[in-house]
Protein backbone atom coordinates (compact mmCIF):
# COMPACT_ATOMS: atom_id res chain seq x y z
CA UNK A 1 125.37 -34.71 7.72
CA UNK A 2 127.66 -33.64 10.14
CA UNK A 3 130.66 -33.41 8.29
CA UNK A 4 130.23 -37.07 7.06
CA UNK A 5 129.39 -38.66 3.86
CA UNK A 6 126.16 -40.55 4.16
CA UNK A 7 126.05 -41.24 0.88
CA UNK A 8 127.26 -40.85 -2.56
CA UNK A 9 125.17 -41.65 -6.13
CA UNK A 10 127.47 -41.64 -9.22
CA UNK A 11 127.41 -42.53 -13.36
CA UNK A 12 129.58 -46.02 -13.48
CA UNK A 13 133.00 -45.63 -13.84
CA UNK A 14 132.79 -41.42 -12.45
CA UNK A 15 135.26 -41.37 -9.54
CA UNK A 16 134.66 -38.22 -6.51
CA UNK A 17 137.85 -38.14 -4.55
CA UNK A 18 138.90 -37.48 -0.69
CA UNK A 19 139.75 -34.05 -1.95
CA UNK A 20 137.16 -32.84 -3.59
CA UNK A 21 135.36 -34.67 -1.58
CA UNK A 22 136.51 -32.17 1.58
CA UNK A 23 136.08 -28.99 -1.21
CA UNK A 24 132.99 -29.29 -1.26
CA UNK A 25 132.18 -30.43 2.85
CA UNK A 26 134.20 -27.43 3.61
CA UNK A 27 131.90 -24.57 1.02
CA UNK A 28 128.66 -26.57 2.80
CA UNK A 29 130.27 -25.78 6.21
CA UNK A 30 131.35 -22.23 5.31
CA UNK A 31 128.11 -20.27 5.63
CA UNK A 32 125.27 -20.40 7.10
CA UNK A 33 123.21 -19.85 4.75
CA UNK A 34 122.67 -22.56 3.09
CA UNK A 35 121.37 -23.18 5.85
CA UNK A 36 118.86 -20.92 5.42
CA UNK A 37 118.52 -21.28 1.46
CA UNK A 38 116.21 -23.78 0.08
CA UNK A 39 118.61 -24.65 -2.68
CA UNK A 40 121.52 -23.10 -3.86
CA UNK A 41 123.22 -23.45 -7.08
CA UNK A 42 127.04 -22.92 -6.98
CA UNK A 43 130.08 -23.12 -9.15
CA UNK A 44 132.84 -25.62 -7.30
CA UNK A 45 136.60 -25.75 -9.39
CA UNK A 46 137.11 -30.25 -8.21
CA UNK A 47 140.54 -30.54 -9.69
CA UNK A 48 140.61 -34.05 -9.43
CA UNK A 49 137.40 -34.99 -10.62
CA UNK A 50 137.41 -32.73 -14.21
CA UNK A 51 140.13 -29.65 -13.71
CA UNK A 52 139.68 -27.99 -17.26
CA UNK A 53 136.50 -26.85 -16.06
CA UNK A 54 134.11 -25.87 -12.73
CA UNK A 55 130.98 -28.16 -12.53
CA UNK A 56 127.84 -26.81 -10.71
CA UNK A 57 127.04 -27.93 -7.76
CA UNK A 58 123.41 -27.64 -6.19
CA UNK A 59 123.51 -27.34 -2.52
CA UNK A 60 120.47 -28.21 0.43
CA UNK A 61 119.73 -28.18 3.80
CA UNK A 62 116.68 -30.46 4.73
CA UNK A 63 114.61 -28.64 7.50
CA UNK A 64 111.67 -29.03 5.12
CA UNK A 65 111.81 -32.72 5.68
CA UNK A 66 112.60 -33.11 8.94
CA UNK A 67 115.90 -33.93 8.27
CA UNK A 68 117.77 -30.06 9.68
CA UNK A 69 121.25 -31.47 9.68
CA UNK A 70 121.57 -33.05 6.47
CA UNK A 71 122.16 -31.82 3.39
CA UNK A 72 122.57 -33.00 -0.14
CA UNK A 73 124.32 -32.10 -2.53
CA UNK A 74 123.66 -32.78 -6.40
CA UNK A 75 126.38 -32.04 -9.12
CA UNK A 76 125.72 -31.56 -13.26
CA UNK A 77 128.54 -30.24 -15.00
CA UNK A 78 125.86 -28.65 -16.50
CA UNK A 79 125.32 -24.21 -16.23
CA UNK A 80 121.86 -24.83 -16.02
CA UNK A 81 120.35 -27.93 -14.81
CA UNK A 82 119.39 -25.43 -12.07
CA UNK A 83 115.40 -26.37 -11.25
CA UNK A 84 115.55 -29.81 -13.03
CA UNK A 85 118.62 -30.82 -10.07
CA UNK A 86 114.97 -29.50 -7.79
CA UNK A 87 112.94 -31.30 -8.69
CA UNK A 88 115.06 -34.43 -8.65
CA UNK A 89 116.35 -33.22 -4.77
CA UNK A 90 112.17 -32.89 -3.84
CA UNK A 91 111.54 -36.44 -5.15
CA UNK A 92 114.67 -37.68 -3.46
CA UNK A 93 113.71 -36.16 0.18
CA UNK A 94 110.54 -37.44 -0.18
CA UNK A 95 110.91 -40.80 -0.84
CA UNK A 96 113.55 -40.82 2.21
CA UNK A 97 111.24 -38.97 3.80
CA UNK A 98 109.13 -42.08 3.70
CA UNK A 99 111.54 -44.66 3.54
CA UNK A 100 112.02 -43.14 7.49
CA UNK A 101 115.63 -42.93 6.59
CA UNK A 102 116.49 -39.23 7.00
CA UNK A 103 115.05 -39.42 10.89
CA UNK A 104 117.27 -42.56 10.83
CA UNK A 105 120.37 -39.86 9.56
CA UNK A 106 118.95 -37.29 11.98
CA UNK A 107 119.49 -40.17 14.93
CA UNK A 108 122.57 -41.70 14.23
CA UNK A 109 124.28 -38.27 14.26
CA UNK A 110 123.67 -37.53 17.74
CA UNK A 111 124.80 -41.18 18.35
CA UNK A 112 128.78 -40.94 19.28
CA UNK A 113 131.06 -43.15 17.02
CA UNK A 114 131.94 -46.54 17.98
CA UNK A 115 133.89 -47.20 20.30
CA UNK A 116 137.59 -49.86 20.84
CA UNK A 117 134.58 -52.01 23.44
CA UNK A 118 132.27 -52.59 21.25
CA UNK A 119 134.03 -53.28 18.72
CA UNK A 120 136.11 -56.01 21.24
CA UNK A 121 132.12 -56.89 22.95
CA UNK A 122 131.27 -57.65 19.97
CA UNK A 123 133.25 -60.72 19.67
CA UNK A 124 135.74 -59.39 16.57
CA UNK A 125 138.51 -60.89 18.17
CA UNK A 126 139.91 -57.17 18.36
CA UNK A 127 143.29 -57.43 21.30
CA UNK A 128 142.38 -55.83 24.25
CA UNK A 129 145.53 -53.22 24.05
CA UNK A 130 144.49 -51.70 20.38
CA UNK A 131 143.79 -48.44 21.58
CA UNK A 132 142.55 -47.35 18.69
CA UNK A 133 142.56 -48.02 14.24
CA UNK A 134 142.06 -46.65 11.37
CA UNK A 135 140.83 -49.17 8.36
CA UNK A 136 140.80 -48.01 4.59
CA UNK A 137 139.10 -49.88 1.52
CA UNK A 138 141.04 -47.79 -0.94
CA UNK A 139 137.87 -50.00 -3.27
CA UNK A 140 135.96 -48.07 -2.49
CA UNK A 141 137.94 -44.29 -1.24
CA UNK A 142 136.31 -45.25 2.20
CA UNK A 143 137.32 -45.57 5.78
CA UNK A 144 137.15 -46.54 9.38
CA UNK A 145 137.62 -45.37 12.28
CA UNK A 146 136.32 -46.26 16.28
CA UNK A 147 136.54 -42.34 18.15
CA UNK A 148 139.77 -41.74 20.10
CA UNK A 149 139.60 -43.26 23.07
CA UNK A 150 142.27 -42.71 26.60
CA UNK A 151 144.95 -42.03 26.05
CA UNK A 152 144.03 -39.53 23.03
CA UNK A 153 141.81 -37.19 24.94
CA UNK A 154 142.27 -34.19 23.69
CA UNK A 155 143.26 -31.85 20.70
CA UNK A 156 146.89 -32.41 20.74
CA UNK A 157 147.09 -35.58 21.12
CA UNK A 158 144.33 -36.98 18.83
CA UNK A 159 146.61 -34.67 15.53
CA UNK A 160 149.74 -35.95 16.81
CA UNK A 161 149.02 -39.91 15.98
CA UNK A 162 147.47 -39.02 12.76
CA UNK A 163 149.89 -37.22 11.54
CA UNK A 164 151.83 -39.86 12.59
CA UNK A 165 149.10 -42.74 10.11
CA UNK A 166 150.51 -39.98 7.78
CA UNK A 167 153.64 -40.62 7.99
CA UNK A 168 153.36 -44.02 8.47
CA UNK A 169 151.36 -44.56 5.92
CA UNK A 170 154.32 -42.13 3.59
CA UNK A 171 157.06 -44.54 4.57
CA UNK A 172 155.21 -47.86 3.20
CA UNK A 173 154.43 -45.87 0.23
CA UNK A 174 157.75 -44.31 -0.49
CA UNK A 175 159.07 -45.24 -4.35
CA UNK A 176 161.14 -48.35 -4.59
CA UNK A 177 159.24 -50.04 -0.94
CA UNK A 178 158.17 -53.04 -1.88
CA UNK A 179 157.34 -54.39 2.00
CA UNK A 180 153.98 -54.45 2.92
CA UNK A 181 153.60 -54.41 6.50
CA UNK A 182 155.96 -52.48 9.23
CA UNK A 183 155.41 -52.67 13.12
CA UNK A 184 157.45 -49.04 14.82
CA UNK A 185 157.38 -48.67 18.70
CA UNK A 186 158.16 -45.73 20.69
CA UNK A 187 157.79 -44.82 24.17
CA UNK A 188 154.11 -44.08 24.00
CA UNK A 189 152.31 -47.10 21.76
CA UNK A 190 153.29 -49.26 18.73
CA UNK A 191 152.37 -49.27 15.63
CA UNK A 192 151.06 -52.07 12.82
CA UNK A 193 150.42 -51.12 9.61
CA UNK A 194 149.51 -53.27 6.95
CA UNK A 195 148.52 -52.51 3.26
CA UNK A 196 147.79 -54.86 0.73
CA UNK A 197 146.16 -54.03 -2.99
CA UNK A 198 142.31 -53.31 -1.77
CA UNK A 199 142.88 -52.13 1.97
CA UNK A 200 145.13 -50.23 4.95
CA UNK A 201 145.27 -50.62 8.04
CA UNK A 202 146.30 -48.52 11.01
CA UNK A 203 146.49 -50.02 14.67
CA UNK A 204 148.24 -48.66 17.46
CA UNK A 205 148.29 -50.55 20.35
CA UNK A 206 150.44 -49.75 24.20
CA UNK A 207 153.92 -49.17 24.44
CA UNK A 208 155.06 -52.89 25.89
CA UNK A 209 153.24 -54.93 22.55
CA UNK A 210 155.47 -57.12 21.49
CA UNK A 211 155.61 -57.71 17.59
CA UNK A 212 155.14 -61.29 18.16
């Protein structure tokens, strides 16, 4: 929904990595025909999930159930499961509709992402000079980040910050490096990076923030 993963249900010992998820999301958003169809059936190549063979995806936007911006994707390794997955889609969509979950998802899509100010006011002890952060749970392959706030108000600055997160991630994961924390200072900001067994945390602070 809205370029975001709402829920992922999978068999045990089965993972769907971010790279494969991006392939699915990009496919869904590449054609408006998915929005007008009651169900599309297409082969997919997901290199990390199934490097040796295609899988097959049933793709359907839930406009019929009052959620035109919510898309359900059901994946099978078999090419003859269209009707079974179509029936499963209908059953799941009805349950989501009756429980008001679809309406809540549509409502959430209209709301902006949470901000740093909301985290501060929620009593979570976030320092007031925090400009942005990304928290990654490596245990479940999910991340959370607030919306961009000043000074990161234009796309160029946002992309530059994301590249700096990427560079910091690469530095800490370089082969033969054992440190788990870095504090980097530049003219425009400071950045604290902490990597542990189950998490990765990237925090962007003001340029005058000290290591202490």
